[in-house]
PDB file of all heavy atoms in Angstrom:
ATOM      1  N   GLU A   1      14.056   7.275  -9.550  1.00  0.00           N
ATOM      2  CA  GLU A   1      13.933   5.817  -9.502  1.00  0.00           C
ATOM      3  C   GLU A   1      13.626   5.352  -8.083  1.00  0.00           C
ATOM      4  O   GLU A   1      12.868   4.397  -7.887  1.00  0.00           O
ATOM      5  CB  GLU A   1      15.227   5.170  -9.998  1.00  0.00           C
ATOM      6  CG  GLU A   1      15.494   5.375 -11.482  1.00  0.00           C
ATOM      7  CD  GLU A   1      16.744   4.636 -11.931  1.00  0.00           C
ATOM      8  OE1 GLU A   1      17.303   3.852 -11.129  1.00  0.00           O
ATOM      9  OE2 GLU A   1      17.170   4.828 -13.085  1.00  0.00           O
ATOM     10  N   ALA A   2      14.217   6.023  -7.098  1.00  0.00           N
ATOM     11  CA  ALA A   2      13.974   5.654  -5.701  1.00  0.00           C
ATOM     12  C   ALA A   2      12.510   5.864  -5.335  1.00  0.00           C
ATOM     13  O   ALA A   2      11.905   5.055  -4.614  1.00  0.00           O
ATOM     14  CB  ALA A   2      14.868   6.485  -4.776  1.00  0.00           C
ATOM     15  N   ALA A   3      11.915   6.959  -5.851  1.00  0.00           N
ATOM     16  CA  ALA A   3      10.508   7.245  -5.563  1.00  0.00           C
ATOM     17  C   ALA A   3       9.606   6.186  -6.190  1.00  0.00           C
ATOM     18  O   ALA A   3       8.655   5.704  -5.557  1.00  0.00           O
ATOM     19  CB  ALA A   3      10.149   8.634  -6.080  1.00  0.00           C
ATOM     20  N   ILE A   4       9.888   5.812  -7.443  1.00  0.00           N
ATOM     21  CA  ILE A   4       9.097   4.772  -8.113  1.00  0.00           C
ATOM     22  C   ILE A   4       9.219   3.451  -7.365  1.00  0.00           C
ATOM     23  O   ILE A   4       8.231   2.723  -7.174  1.00  0.00           O
ATOM     24  CB  ILE A   4       9.554   4.605  -9.578  1.00  0.00           C
ATOM     25  CG1 ILE A   4       9.237   5.865 -10.390  1.00  0.00           C
ATOM     26  CG2 ILE A   4       8.890   3.374 -10.200  1.00  0.00           C
ATOM     27  CD1 ILE A   4       7.753   6.151 -10.536  1.00  0.00           C
ATOM     28  N   LYS A   5      10.415   3.155  -6.903  1.00  0.00           N
ATOM     29  CA  LYS A   5      10.642   1.918  -6.143  1.00  0.00           C
ATOM     30  C   LYS A   5       9.820   1.917  -4.855  1.00  0.00           C
ATOM     31  O   LYS A   5       9.217   0.897  -4.489  1.00  0.00           O
ATOM     32  CB  LYS A   5      12.127   1.773  -5.824  1.00  0.00           C
ATOM     33  CG  LYS A   5      12.490   0.463  -5.136  1.00  0.00           C
ATOM     34  CD  LYS A   5      13.999   0.361  -4.917  1.00  0.00           C
ATOM     35  CE  LYS A   5      14.357  -0.955  -4.233  1.00  0.00           C
ATOM     36  NZ  LYS A   5      15.825  -1.073  -4.018  1.00  0.00           N
ATOM     37  N   THR A   6       9.781   3.059  -4.180  1.00  0.00           N
ATOM     38  CA  THR A   6       9.000   3.183  -2.950  1.00  0.00           C
ATOM     39  C   THR A   6       7.511   2.990  -3.220  1.00  0.00           C
ATOM     40  O   THR A   6       6.814   2.290  -2.480  1.00  0.00           O
ATOM     41  CB  THR A   6       9.238   4.565  -2.304  1.00  0.00           C
ATOM     42  OG1 THR A   6      10.617   4.692  -1.952  1.00  0.00           O
ATOM     43  CG2 THR A   6       8.390   4.739  -1.053  1.00  0.00           C
ATOM     44  N   LEU A   7       7.018   3.609  -4.287  1.00  0.00           N
ATOM     45  CA  LEU A   7       5.594   3.502  -4.625  1.00  0.00           C
ATOM     46  C   LEU A   7       5.223   2.067  -5.010  1.00  0.00           C
ATOM     47  O   LEU A   7       4.167   1.557  -4.628  1.00  0.00           O
ATOM     48  CB  LEU A   7       5.263   4.456  -5.773  1.00  0.00           C
ATOM     49  CG  LEU A   7       5.252   5.949  -5.407  1.00  0.00           C
ATOM     50  CD1 LEU A   7       5.187   6.811  -6.664  1.00  0.00           C
ATOM     51  CD2 LEU A   7       4.075   6.256  -4.489  1.00  0.00           C
ATOM     52  N   LYS A   8       6.088   1.407  -5.764  1.00  0.00           N
ATOM     53  CA  LYS A   8       5.818   0.017  -6.152  1.00  0.00           C
ATOM     54  C   LYS A   8       5.807  -0.900  -4.931  1.00  0.00           C
ATOM     55  O   LYS A   8       4.979  -1.831  -4.838  1.00  0.00           O
ATOM     56  CB  LYS A   8       6.858  -0.460  -7.160  1.00  0.00           C
ATOM     57  CG  LYS A   8       6.681   0.113  -8.562  1.00  0.00           C
ATOM     58  CD  LYS A   8       7.681  -0.499  -9.529  1.00  0.00           C
ATOM     59  CE  LYS A   8       7.406  -0.065 -10.953  1.00  0.00           C
ATOM     60  NZ  LYS A   8       8.366  -0.672 -11.916  1.00  0.00           N
ATOM     61  N   ALA A   9       6.710  -0.637  -3.996  1.00  0.00           N
ATOM     62  CA  ALA A   9       6.752  -1.437  -2.761  1.00  0.00           C
ATOM     63  C   ALA A   9       5.467  -1.229  -1.958  1.00  0.00           C
ATOM     64  O   ALA A   9       4.926  -2.171  -1.376  1.00  0.00           O
ATOM     65  CB  ALA A   9       7.970  -1.047  -1.932  1.00  0.00           C
ATOM     66  N   HIS A  10       4.985   0.008  -1.960  1.00  0.00           N
ATOM     67  CA  HIS A  10       3.737   0.303  -1.240  1.00  0.00           C
ATOM     68  C   HIS A  10       2.577  -0.458  -1.860  1.00  0.00           C
ATOM     69  O   HIS A  10       1.746  -1.036  -1.153  1.00  0.00           O
ATOM     70  CB  HIS A  10       3.468   1.805  -1.281  1.00  0.00           C
ATOM     71  CG  HIS A  10       2.422   2.267  -0.305  1.00  0.00           C
ATOM     72  ND1 HIS A  10       1.078   1.956  -0.438  1.00  0.00           N
ATOM     73  CD2 HIS A  10       2.514   2.997   0.834  1.00  0.00           C
ATOM     74  CE1 HIS A  10       0.398   2.490   0.559  1.00  0.00           C
ATOM     75  NE2 HIS A  10       1.247   3.119   1.350  1.00  0.00           N
ATOM     76  N   ILE A  11       2.529  -0.488  -3.180  1.00  0.00           N
ATOM     77  CA  ILE A  11       1.439  -1.188  -3.871  1.00  0.00           C
ATOM     78  C   ILE A  11       1.496  -2.689  -3.614  1.00  0.00           C
ATOM     79  O   ILE A  11       0.461  -3.348  -3.455  1.00  0.00           O
ATOM     80  CB  ILE A  11       1.471  -0.868  -5.375  1.00  0.00           C
ATOM     81  CG1 ILE A  11       1.052   0.589  -5.589  1.00  0.00           C
ATOM     82  CG2 ILE A  11       0.553  -1.803  -6.157  1.00  0.00           C
ATOM     83  CD1 ILE A  11       1.187   1.087  -7.000  1.00  0.00           C
ATOM     84  N   LYS A  12       2.688  -3.252  -3.556  1.00  0.00           N
ATOM     85  CA  LYS A  12       2.814  -4.683  -3.225  1.00  0.00           C
ATOM     86  C   LYS A  12       2.261  -4.965  -1.830  1.00  0.00           C
ATOM     87  O   LYS A  12       1.606  -5.991  -1.606  1.00  0.00           O
ATOM     88  CB  LYS A  12       4.275  -5.112  -3.306  1.00  0.00           C
ATOM     89  CG  LYS A  12       4.792  -5.296  -4.734  1.00  0.00           C
ATOM     90  CD  LYS A  12       6.207  -5.862  -4.738  1.00  0.00           C
ATOM     91  CE  LYS A  12       6.697  -6.094  -6.164  1.00  0.00           C
ATOM     92  NZ  LYS A  12       8.082  -6.650  -6.183  1.00  0.00           N
ATOM     93  N   THR A  13       2.522  -4.061  -0.907  1.00  0.00           N
ATOM     94  CA  THR A  13       1.987  -4.216   0.443  1.00  0.00           C
ATOM     95  C   THR A  13       0.467  -4.109   0.416  1.00  0.00           C
ATOM     96  O   THR A  13      -0.232  -4.844   1.119  1.00  0.00           O
ATOM     97  CB  THR A  13       2.579  -3.130   1.375  1.00  0.00           C
ATOM     98  OG1 THR A  13       3.998  -3.147   1.284  1.00  0.00           O
ATOM     99  CG2 THR A  13       2.177  -3.390   2.819  1.00  0.00           C
ATOM    100  N   GLU A  14      -0.046  -3.178  -0.395  1.00  0.00           N
ATOM    101  CA  GLU A  14      -1.500  -3.040  -0.556  1.00  0.00           C
ATOM    102  C   GLU A  14      -2.102  -4.348  -1.081  1.00  0.00           C
ATOM    103  O   GLU A  14      -3.125  -4.833  -0.579  1.00  0.00           O
ATOM    104  CB  GLU A  14      -1.824  -1.932  -1.558  1.00  0.00           C
ATOM    105  CG  GLU A  14      -1.651  -0.519  -1.058  1.00  0.00           C
ATOM    106  CD  GLU A  14      -2.051   0.485  -2.124  1.00  0.00           C
ATOM    107  OE1 GLU A  14      -2.964   0.180  -2.924  1.00  0.00           O
ATOM    108  OE2 GLU A  14      -1.455   1.579  -2.169  1.00  0.00           O
ATOM    109  N   GLN A  15      -1.484  -4.896  -2.117  1.00  0.00           N
ATOM    110  CA  GLN A  15      -2.001  -6.116  -2.742  1.00  0.00           C
ATOM    111  C   GLN A  15      -2.070  -7.262  -1.740  1.00  0.00           C
ATOM    112  O   GLN A  15      -3.033  -8.031  -1.723  1.00  0.00           O
ATOM    113  CB  GLN A  15      -1.126  -6.499  -3.937  1.00  0.00           C
ATOM    114  CG  GLN A  15      -1.223  -5.518  -5.098  1.00  0.00           C
ATOM    115  CD  GLN A  15      -0.177  -5.755  -6.172  1.00  0.00           C
ATOM    116  OE1 GLN A  15       0.883  -6.353  -5.906  1.00  0.00           O
ATOM    117  NE2 GLN A  15      -0.424  -5.278  -7.381  1.00  0.00           N
ATOM    118  N   ALA A  16      -1.034  -7.379  -0.913  1.00  0.00           N
ATOM    119  CA  ALA A  16      -1.021  -8.427   0.109  1.00  0.00           C
ATOM    120  C   ALA A  16      -2.146  -8.199   1.124  1.00  0.00           C
ATOM    121  O   ALA A  16      -2.810  -9.144   1.553  1.00  0.00           O
ATOM    122  CB  ALA A  16       0.330  -8.454   0.819  1.00  0.00           C
ATOM    123  N   ALA A  17      -2.375  -6.928   1.477  1.00  0.00           N
ATOM    124  CA  ALA A  17      -3.426  -6.610   2.446  1.00  0.00           C
ATOM    125  C   ALA A  17      -4.817  -6.879   1.868  1.00  0.00           C
ATOM    126  O   ALA A  17      -5.716  -7.333   2.570  1.00  0.00           O
ATOM    127  CB  ALA A  17      -3.311  -5.153   2.882  1.00  0.00           C
ATOM    128  N   VAL A  18      -4.979  -6.598   0.573  1.00  0.00           N
ATOM    129  CA  VAL A  18      -6.270  -6.843  -0.086  1.00  0.00           C
ATOM    130  C   VAL A  18      -6.605  -8.334  -0.073  1.00  0.00           C
ATOM    131  O   VAL A  18      -7.769  -8.727   0.095  1.00  0.00           O
ATOM    132  CB  VAL A  18      -6.247  -6.307  -1.534  1.00  0.00           C
ATOM    133  CG1 VAL A  18      -7.446  -6.822  -2.327  1.00  0.00           C
ATOM    134  CG2 VAL A  18      -6.225  -4.781  -1.532  1.00  0.00           C
ATOM    135  N   LYS A  19      -5.601  -9.175  -0.217  1.00  0.00           N
ATOM    136  CA  LYS A  19      -5.819 -10.623  -0.202  1.00  0.00           C
ATOM    137  C   LYS A  19      -6.030 -11.152   1.215  1.00  0.00           C
ATOM    138  O   LYS A  19      -6.535 -12.251   1.397  1.00  0.00           O
ATOM    139  CB  LYS A  19      -4.621 -11.336  -0.833  1.00  0.00           C
ATOM    140  CG  LYS A  19      -4.455 -11.055  -2.322  1.00  0.00           C
ATOM    141  CD  LYS A  19      -3.211 -11.745  -2.871  1.00  0.00           C
ATOM    142  CE  LYS A  19      -3.017 -11.430  -4.352  1.00  0.00           C
ATOM    143  NZ  LYS A  19      -1.788 -12.061  -4.898  1.00  0.00           N
ATOM    144  N   GLY A  20      -5.622 -10.386   2.207  1.00  0.00           N
ATOM    145  CA  GLY A  20      -5.746 -10.804   3.598  1.00  0.00           C
ATOM    146  C   GLY A  20      -7.112 -10.492   4.185  1.00  0.00           C
ATOM    147  O   GLY A  20      -8.045 -10.102   3.470  1.00  0.00           O
ATOM    148  N   THR A  21      -7.214 -10.630   5.492  1.00  0.00           N
ATOM    149  CA  THR A  21      -8.503 -10.446   6.174  1.00  0.00           C
ATOM    150  C   THR A  21      -8.512  -9.242   7.111  1.00  0.00           C
ATOM    151  O   THR A  21      -9.532  -8.960   7.727  1.00  0.00           O
ATOM    152  CB  THR A  21      -8.850 -11.703   7.004  1.00  0.00           C
ATOM    153  OG1 THR A  21      -7.788 -11.952   7.948  1.00  0.00           O
ATOM    154  CG2 THR A  21      -9.012 -12.914   6.096  1.00  0.00           C
ATOM    155  N   ASP A  22      -7.380  -8.542   7.206  1.00  0.00           N
ATOM    156  CA  ASP A  22      -7.307  -7.389   8.097  1.00  0.00           C
ATOM    157  C   ASP A  22      -7.839  -6.153   7.371  1.00  0.00           C
ATOM    158  O   ASP A  22      -7.113  -5.484   6.637  1.00  0.00           O
ATOM    159  CB  ASP A  22      -5.862  -7.173   8.544  1.00  0.00           C
ATOM    160  CG  ASP A  22      -5.733  -6.135   9.652  1.00  0.00           C
ATOM    161  OD1 ASP A  22      -6.639  -5.283   9.772  1.00  0.00           O
ATOM    162  OD2 ASP A  22      -4.735  -6.177  10.400  1.00  0.00           O
ATOM    163  N   VAL A  23      -9.124  -5.858   7.561  1.00  0.00           N
ATOM    164  CA  VAL A  23      -9.766  -4.737   6.879  1.00  0.00           C
ATOM    165  C   VAL A  23      -9.136  -3.412   7.293  1.00  0.00           C
ATOM    166  O   VAL A  23      -8.983  -2.497   6.486  1.00  0.00           O
ATOM    167  CB  VAL A  23     -11.279  -4.725   7.165  1.00  0.00           C
ATOM    168  CG1 VAL A  23     -11.945  -3.510   6.531  1.00  0.00           C
ATOM    169  CG2 VAL A  23     -11.920  -6.001   6.645  1.00  0.00           C
ATOM    170  N   GLY A  24      -8.766  -3.299   8.573  1.00  0.00           N
ATOM    171  CA  GLY A  24      -8.162  -2.071   9.058  1.00  0.00           C
ATOM    172  C   GLY A  24      -6.849  -1.757   8.369  1.00  0.00           C
ATOM    173  O   GLY A  24      -6.601  -0.626   7.942  1.00  0.00           O
ATOM    174  N   LEU A  25      -5.993  -2.771   8.224  1.00  0.00           N
ATOM    175  CA  LEU A  25      -4.709  -2.582   7.551  1.00  0.00           C
ATOM    176  C   LEU A  25      -4.921  -2.223   6.091  1.00  0.00           C
ATOM    177  O   LEU A  25      -4.264  -1.333   5.550  1.00  0.00           O
ATOM    178  CB  LEU A  25      -3.865  -3.863   7.660  1.00  0.00           C
ATOM    179  CG  LEU A  25      -2.516  -3.844   6.929  1.00  0.00           C
ATOM    180  CD1 LEU A  25      -1.608  -2.756   7.484  1.00  0.00           C
ATOM    181  CD2 LEU A  25      -1.842  -5.214   7.022  1.00  0.00           C
ATOM    182  N   ARG A  26      -5.863  -2.904   5.454  1.00  0.00           N
ATOM    183  CA  ARG A  26      -6.176  -2.641   4.051  1.00  0.00           C
ATOM    184  C   ARG A  26      -6.633  -1.192   3.868  1.00  0.00           C
ATOM    185  O   ARG A  26      -6.166  -0.483   2.969  1.00  0.00           O
ATOM    186  CB  ARG A  26      -7.273  -3.599   3.603  1.00  0.00           C
ATOM    187  CG  ARG A  26      -7.650  -3.496   2.139  1.00  0.00           C
ATOM    188  CD  ARG A  26      -8.648  -4.579   1.814  1.00  0.00           C
ATOM    189  NE  ARG A  26      -9.956  -4.316   2.389  1.00  0.00           N
ATOM    190  CZ  ARG A  26     -10.894  -5.245   2.555  1.00  0.00           C
ATOM    191  NH1 ARG A  26     -10.647  -6.496   2.235  1.00  0.00           N
ATOM    192  NH2 ARG A  26     -12.062  -4.920   3.048  1.00  0.00           N
ATOM    193  N   SER A  27      -7.520  -0.758   4.727  1.00  0.00           N
ATOM    194  CA  SER A  27      -8.031   0.610   4.657  1.00  0.00           C
ATOM    195  C   SER A  27      -6.910   1.622   4.851  1.00  0.00           C
ATOM    196  O   SER A  27      -6.800   2.603   4.112  1.00  0.00           O
ATOM    197  CB  SER A  27      -9.111   0.814   5.727  1.00  0.00           C
ATOM    198  OG  SER A  27      -9.513   2.158   5.787  1.00  0.00           O
ATOM    199  N   TYR A  28      -6.076   1.369   5.838  1.00  0.00           N
ATOM    200  CA  TYR A  28      -4.974   2.297   6.126  1.00  0.00           C
ATOM    201  C   TYR A  28      -4.024   2.413   4.942  1.00  0.00           C
ATOM    202  O   TYR A  28      -3.646   3.516   4.537  1.00  0.00           O
ATOM    203  CB  TYR A  28      -4.208   1.826   7.366  1.00  0.00           C
ATOM    204  CG  TYR A  28      -3.000   2.684   7.658  1.00  0.00           C
ATOM    205  CD1 TYR A  28      -3.136   3.877   8.355  1.00  0.00           C
ATOM    206  CD2 TYR A  28      -1.732   2.322   7.197  1.00  0.00           C
ATOM    207  CE1 TYR A  28      -2.034   4.687   8.599  1.00  0.00           C
ATOM    208  CE2 TYR A  28      -0.629   3.125   7.430  1.00  0.00           C
ATOM    209  CZ  TYR A  28      -0.789   4.300   8.140  1.00  0.00           C
ATOM    210  OH  TYR A  28       0.304   5.106   8.365  1.00  0.00           O
ATOM    211  N   LEU A  29      -3.636   1.285   4.360  1.00  0.00           N
ATOM    212  CA  LEU A  29      -2.668   1.291   3.263  1.00  0.00           C
ATOM    213  C   LEU A  29      -3.229   1.956   2.010  1.00  0.00           C
ATOM    214  O   LEU A  29      -2.525   2.707   1.325  1.00  0.00           O
ATOM    215  CB  LEU A  29      -2.220  -0.137   2.940  1.00  0.00           C
ATOM    216  CG  LEU A  29      -1.310  -0.792   3.988  1.00  0.00           C
ATOM    217  CD1 LEU A  29      -1.121  -2.265   3.676  1.00  0.00           C
ATOM    218  CD2 LEU A  29       0.042  -0.075   4.041  1.00  0.00           C
ATOM    219  N   LEU A  30      -4.498   1.701   1.704  1.00  0.00           N
ATOM    220  CA  LEU A  30      -5.095   2.308   0.515  1.00  0.00           C
ATOM    221  C   LEU A  30      -5.185   3.822   0.662  1.00  0.00           C
ATOM    222  O   LEU A  30      -4.999   4.564  -0.303  1.00  0.00           O
ATOM    223  CB  LEU A  30      -6.481   1.707   0.258  1.00  0.00           C
ATOM    224  CG  LEU A  30      -6.473   0.262  -0.243  1.00  0.00           C
ATOM    225  CD1 LEU A  30      -7.878  -0.316  -0.232  1.00  0.00           C
ATOM    226  CD2 LEU A  30      -5.872   0.170  -1.637  1.00  0.00           C
ATOM    227  N   GLY A  31      -5.454   4.288   1.859  1.00  0.00           N
ATOM    228  CA  GLY A  31      -5.461   5.725   2.084  1.00  0.00           C
ATOM    229  C   GLY A  31      -4.069   6.306   2.110  1.00  0.00           C
ATOM    230  O   GLY A  31      -3.811   7.397   1.582  1.00  0.00           O
ATOM    231  N   ASP A  32      -3.149   5.578   2.716  1.00  0.00           N
ATOM    232  CA  ASP A  32      -1.773   6.070   2.860  1.00  0.00           C
ATOM    233  C   ASP A  32      -1.048   6.164   1.520  1.00  0.00           C
ATOM    234  O   ASP A  32      -0.053   6.888   1.410  1.00  0.00           O
ATOM    235  CB  ASP A  32      -1.004   5.150   3.807  1.00  0.00           C
ATOM    236  CG  ASP A  32       0.358   5.695   4.189  1.00  0.00           C
ATOM    237  OD1 ASP A  32       0.414   6.801   4.753  1.00  0.00           O
ATOM    238  OD2 ASP A  32       1.376   5.022   3.928  1.00  0.00           O
ATOM    239  N   PHE A  33      -1.530   5.458   0.506  1.00  0.00           N
ATOM    240  CA  PHE A  33      -0.892   5.553  -0.818  1.00  0.00           C
ATOM    241  C   PHE A  33      -0.815   6.998  -1.280  1.00  0.00           C
ATOM    242  O   PHE A  33       0.195   7.443  -1.837  1.00  0.00           O
ATOM    243  CB  PHE A  33      -1.673   4.726  -1.848  1.00  0.00           C
ATOM    244  CG  PHE A  33      -1.259   5.013  -3.272  1.00  0.00           C
ATOM    245  CD1 PHE A  33      -0.119   4.430  -3.814  1.00  0.00           C
ATOM    246  CD2 PHE A  33      -1.999   5.885  -4.065  1.00  0.00           C
ATOM    247  CE1 PHE A  33       0.267   4.707  -5.123  1.00  0.00           C
ATOM    248  CE2 PHE A  33      -1.617   6.166  -5.371  1.00  0.00           C
ATOM    249  CZ  PHE A  33      -0.481   5.576  -5.896  1.00  0.00           C
ATOM    250  N   HIS A  34      -1.873   7.760  -1.060  1.00  0.00           N
ATOM    251  CA  HIS A  34      -1.933   9.128  -1.546  1.00  0.00           C
ATOM    252  C   HIS A  34      -0.966  10.031  -0.784  1.00  0.00           C
ATOM    253  O   HIS A  34      -0.384  10.953  -1.354  1.00  0.00           O
ATOM    254  CB  HIS A  34      -3.372   9.641  -1.452  1.00  0.00           C
ATOM    255  CG  HIS A  34      -4.303   8.883  -2.340  1.00  0.00           C
ATOM    256  ND1 HIS A  34      -4.648   9.308  -3.594  1.00  0.00           N
ATOM    257  CD2 HIS A  34      -4.918   7.688  -2.161  1.00  0.00           C
ATOM    258  CE1 HIS A  34      -5.454   8.423  -4.159  1.00  0.00           C
ATOM    259  NE2 HIS A  34      -5.632   7.427  -3.303  1.00  0.00           N
ATOM    260  N   VAL A  35      -0.782   9.742   0.484  1.00  0.00           N
ATOM    261  CA  VAL A  35       0.200  10.470   1.281  1.00  0.00           C
ATOM    262  C   VAL A  35       1.610  10.120   0.791  1.00  0.00           C
ATOM    263  O   VAL A  35       2.462  10.991   0.609  1.00  0.00           O
ATOM    264  CB  VAL A  35       0.053  10.128   2.775  1.00  0.00           C
ATOM    265  CG1 VAL A  35       1.078  10.886   3.607  1.00  0.00           C
ATOM    266  CG2 VAL A  35      -1.362  10.441   3.262  1.00  0.00           C
ATOM    267  N   CYS A  36       1.826   8.832   0.576  1.00  0.00           N
ATOM    268  CA  CYS A  36       3.119   8.352   0.081  1.00  0.00           C
ATOM    269  C   CYS A  36       3.434   8.958  -1.285  1.00  0.00           C
ATOM    270  O   CYS A  36       4.580   9.348  -1.561  1.00  0.00           O
ATOM    271  CB  CYS A  36       3.093   6.826  -0.008  1.00  0.00           C
ATOM    272  SG  CYS A  36       4.634   6.071  -0.585  1.00  0.00           S
ATOM    273  N   LEU A  37       2.427   9.064  -2.147  1.00  0.00           N
ATOM    274  CA  LEU A  37       2.619   9.637  -3.477  1.00  0.00           C
ATOM    275  C   LEU A  37       3.085  11.085  -3.378  1.00  0.00           C
ATOM    276  O   LEU A  37       4.026  11.489  -4.062  1.00  0.00           O
ATOM    277  CB  LEU A  37       1.316   9.555  -4.270  1.00  0.00           C
ATOM    278  CG  LEU A  37       1.328  10.180  -5.671  1.00  0.00           C
ATOM    279  CD1 LEU A  37       2.347   9.486  -6.561  1.00  0.00           C
ATOM    280  CD2 LEU A  37      -0.060  10.121  -6.296  1.00  0.00           C
TER     281      LEU A  37
END
């Protein structure tokens, strides 16, 4: 459950970055998802 919670939190951060204007942060988070997984 802790792992699922961590992954869901990561995706929420991704979603916020996608709506934002910081392309660098968005790119980093989308790539980092796979490392986090």
